[in-house]
Protein backbone atom coordinates (compact mmCIF):
# COMPACT_ATOMS: atom_id res chain seq x y z
CA MET A 1 12.52 -8.40 20.51
CA GLU A 2 14.18 -5.07 21.40
CA GLU A 3 16.93 -6.93 23.23
CA LEU A 4 17.50 -9.24 20.23
CA VAL A 5 17.72 -6.32 17.81
CA GLY A 6 20.23 -4.68 20.16
CA ARG A 7 22.31 -7.87 20.18
CA LEU A 8 22.15 -8.08 16.38
CA LEU A 9 23.34 -4.49 16.02
CA ASP A 10 26.11 -5.11 18.57
CA ARG A 11 27.21 -8.10 16.46
CA TRP A 12 27.30 -5.98 13.34
CA ARG A 13 29.22 -3.17 15.05
CA ALA A 14 31.79 -5.66 16.45
CA ARG A 15 32.33 -7.00 12.92
CA GLY A 16 32.59 -3.54 11.37
CA VAL A 17 29.28 -3.92 9.52
CA THR A 18 27.41 -0.67 9.04
CA PHE A 19 23.64 -0.52 8.98
CA ASN A 20 21.05 1.99 7.87
CA ILE A 21 19.23 4.30 10.24
CA GLY A 22 15.70 3.16 10.99
CA ALA A 23 12.91 3.44 8.46
CA SER A 24 10.21 6.00 9.20
CA PRO A 25 6.64 5.01 10.07
CA SER A 26 5.61 6.59 6.75
CA ASP A 27 8.11 4.36 4.86
CA ILE A 28 6.47 1.33 6.47
CA ALA A 29 2.95 2.59 5.75
CA GLU A 30 3.90 3.25 2.12
CA PHE A 31 5.28 -0.29 1.70
CA GLU A 32 2.22 -1.83 3.34
CA GLY A 33 -0.15 0.17 1.16
CA LEU A 34 1.75 -0.54 -2.05
CA HIS A 35 1.80 -4.30 -1.43
CA ASP A 36 -1.48 -4.66 0.51
CA VAL A 37 0.30 -6.30 3.47
CA LYS A 38 0.77 -5.62 7.17
CA LEU A 39 4.27 -6.07 8.57
CA PRO A 40 4.48 -8.19 11.72
CA ALA A 41 5.43 -6.33 14.91
CA ASP A 42 8.86 -7.98 15.17
CA LEU A 43 9.89 -6.98 11.64
CA ARG A 44 8.41 -3.51 12.10
CA LEU A 45 10.48 -2.98 15.29
CA PHE A 46 13.65 -4.06 13.50
CA LEU A 47 13.01 -1.75 10.53
CA LEU A 48 12.23 1.23 12.75
CA THR A 49 15.53 0.62 14.59
CA ALA A 50 17.79 -0.34 11.67
CA ASN A 51 16.56 -0.40 8.10
CA GLY A 52 18.85 -3.19 6.94
CA MET A 53 22.34 -2.72 5.57
CA PRO A 54 23.74 -0.45 2.86
CA PHE A 55 23.92 -2.17 -0.52
CA ASN A 56 27.53 -3.44 -0.35
CA GLU A 57 27.59 -4.49 3.32
CA MET A 58 27.59 -8.09 4.55
CA ASP A 59 27.94 -9.98 7.81
CA GLU A 60 29.89 -13.07 6.89
CA LEU A 61 28.04 -13.80 3.63
CA THR A 62 24.67 -12.39 4.69
CA HIS A 63 23.13 -9.14 3.48
CA ILE A 64 19.92 -7.76 5.03
CA ASN A 65 17.98 -5.41 2.72
CA SER A 66 16.47 -2.06 3.54
CA LEU A 67 12.68 -1.98 3.26
CA GLN A 68 12.98 -0.02 0.01
CA HIS A 69 14.68 -3.07 -1.54
CA TYR A 70 12.19 -5.72 -0.42
CA ARG A 71 10.89 -7.59 -3.49
CA GLN A 72 8.47 -10.42 -3.97
CA ILE A 73 10.48 -13.61 -4.02
CA LEU A 74 8.93 -14.57 -7.36
CA SER A 75 10.72 -11.64 -9.00
CA LEU A 76 14.03 -13.22 -7.96
CA VAL A 77 13.31 -16.94 -8.15
CA PRO A 78 10.29 -17.43 -10.43
CA THR A 79 9.95 -21.22 -10.20
CA HIS A 80 9.25 -23.09 -6.96
CA SER A 81 9.03 -26.82 -6.58
CA ASN A 82 7.88 -27.02 -2.97
CA VAL A 83 6.46 -23.63 -1.88
CA PRO A 84 2.87 -23.37 -3.12
CA ASP A 85 2.33 -19.91 -1.58
CA ALA A 86 5.64 -18.45 -2.81
CA ALA A 87 3.84 -15.34 -4.11
CA ALA A 88 3.23 -14.28 -0.49
CA TYR A 89 6.96 -14.16 0.33
CA PHE A 90 9.09 -11.03 0.17
CA CYS A 91 12.88 -11.12 -0.02
CA PHE A 92 14.47 -9.28 2.90
CA GLY A 93 18.05 -10.44 2.37
CA ASP A 94 20.39 -12.90 0.76
CA TYR A 95 23.25 -15.22 1.48
CA ASN A 96 26.41 -15.74 -0.55
CA ILE A 97 25.86 -12.80 -2.92
CA GLU A 98 22.38 -13.88 -4.03
CA GLY A 99 23.21 -17.58 -3.98
CA SER A 100 20.04 -17.92 -1.90
CA PHE A 101 17.42 -15.51 -0.59
CA TYR A 102 15.70 -15.00 2.75
CA GLY A 103 11.95 -14.59 2.32
CA ILE A 104 9.27 -13.64 4.84
CA ARG A 105 5.63 -14.48 4.30
CA LEU A 106 3.47 -11.34 4.47
CA ASP A 107 -0.27 -10.80 4.09
CA ARG A 108 -2.78 -8.07 4.88
CA LEU A 109 -4.07 -9.77 8.03
CA ASN A 110 -0.65 -10.00 9.68
CA SER A 111 -1.27 -13.70 10.18
CA ALA A 112 1.43 -16.17 11.14
CA THR A 113 4.63 -15.50 9.28
CA SER A 114 7.44 -17.82 8.41
CA ILE A 115 10.92 -17.32 7.08
CA ARG A 116 12.17 -19.47 4.23
CA VAL A 117 15.43 -19.78 2.41
CA PHE A 118 14.84 -19.82 -1.35
CA TRP A 119 17.50 -21.31 -3.60
CA GLN A 120 18.16 -20.29 -7.19
CA ASP A 121 16.85 -23.68 -8.40
CA GLY A 122 13.43 -22.87 -6.93
CA ASP A 123 13.61 -25.07 -3.86
CA GLY A 124 12.79 -23.47 -0.52
CA TRP A 125 12.60 -24.55 3.10
CA GLN A 126 11.46 -22.99 6.34
CA CYS A 127 14.33 -21.83 8.54
CA ALA A 128 12.41 -19.83 11.19
CA ASP A 129 8.86 -19.48 12.49
CA SER A 130 8.98 -15.66 12.69
CA PHE A 131 11.31 -12.74 12.13
CA GLU A 132 12.09 -12.77 15.86
CA ASP A 133 13.04 -16.45 15.61
CA PHE A 134 15.24 -15.63 12.59
CA VAL A 135 17.06 -12.86 14.49
CA ARG A 136 17.49 -15.10 17.54
CA ARG A 137 19.10 -17.85 15.45
CA TYR A 138 21.21 -15.30 13.56
CA VAL A 139 22.58 -13.81 16.80
CA GLU A 140 23.00 -17.03 18.76
CA GLU A 141 24.11 -19.44 16.02
CA GLY A 142 25.30 -17.18 13.19
CA PRO A 143 23.72 -16.52 9.82
CA HIS A 144 25.16 -19.75 8.39
CA SER A 145 22.83 -21.68 10.76
CA MET A 146 19.87 -21.06 8.45
CA PHE A 147 21.18 -23.59 5.93
C-alpha cells in the first residue's frame, strides 16, 4: 500500500494537484471515537501520509476529502434504492463537483470494507473491494475508471 500511495502522490504532483499533510494519529482516533468505527489499515496509511486534498483541489474531476470532511453518505444522498446498508458508508470524496460521491463502508470491527459510488438519485454501485483496490484503480486506470 505504501508504494501505491507514493504513486498516487506522484500522479498528483505531476498534475499540479496539492494535497494536505498527513493526519495525526490523534485526528484518526478522534474520528473513530466520534463515529464508533475503526479505519481499515489501508485508509489509515493513506490519511497518515496525505490527508486528502485542500477544498478547491481536483485531479481531473475527482476531489479526495480530508478526514475532517468525511460525512456519512446519508447526509449527502439521503435516499438509496439499492444499498441497504448505506448508513455504514462515509463519503471520502466526490467526482464532477459532487455529481457523485465516493463512499467507504466503515464499522467498529474493521470488517471487510467496500467502496461504492453514490449518485445524486440514490443509486449506488461497488467500484472497489477496499481502499487499496480503489487507489490501485485510480493510479493505474485514472479516477474516471470508477464509473
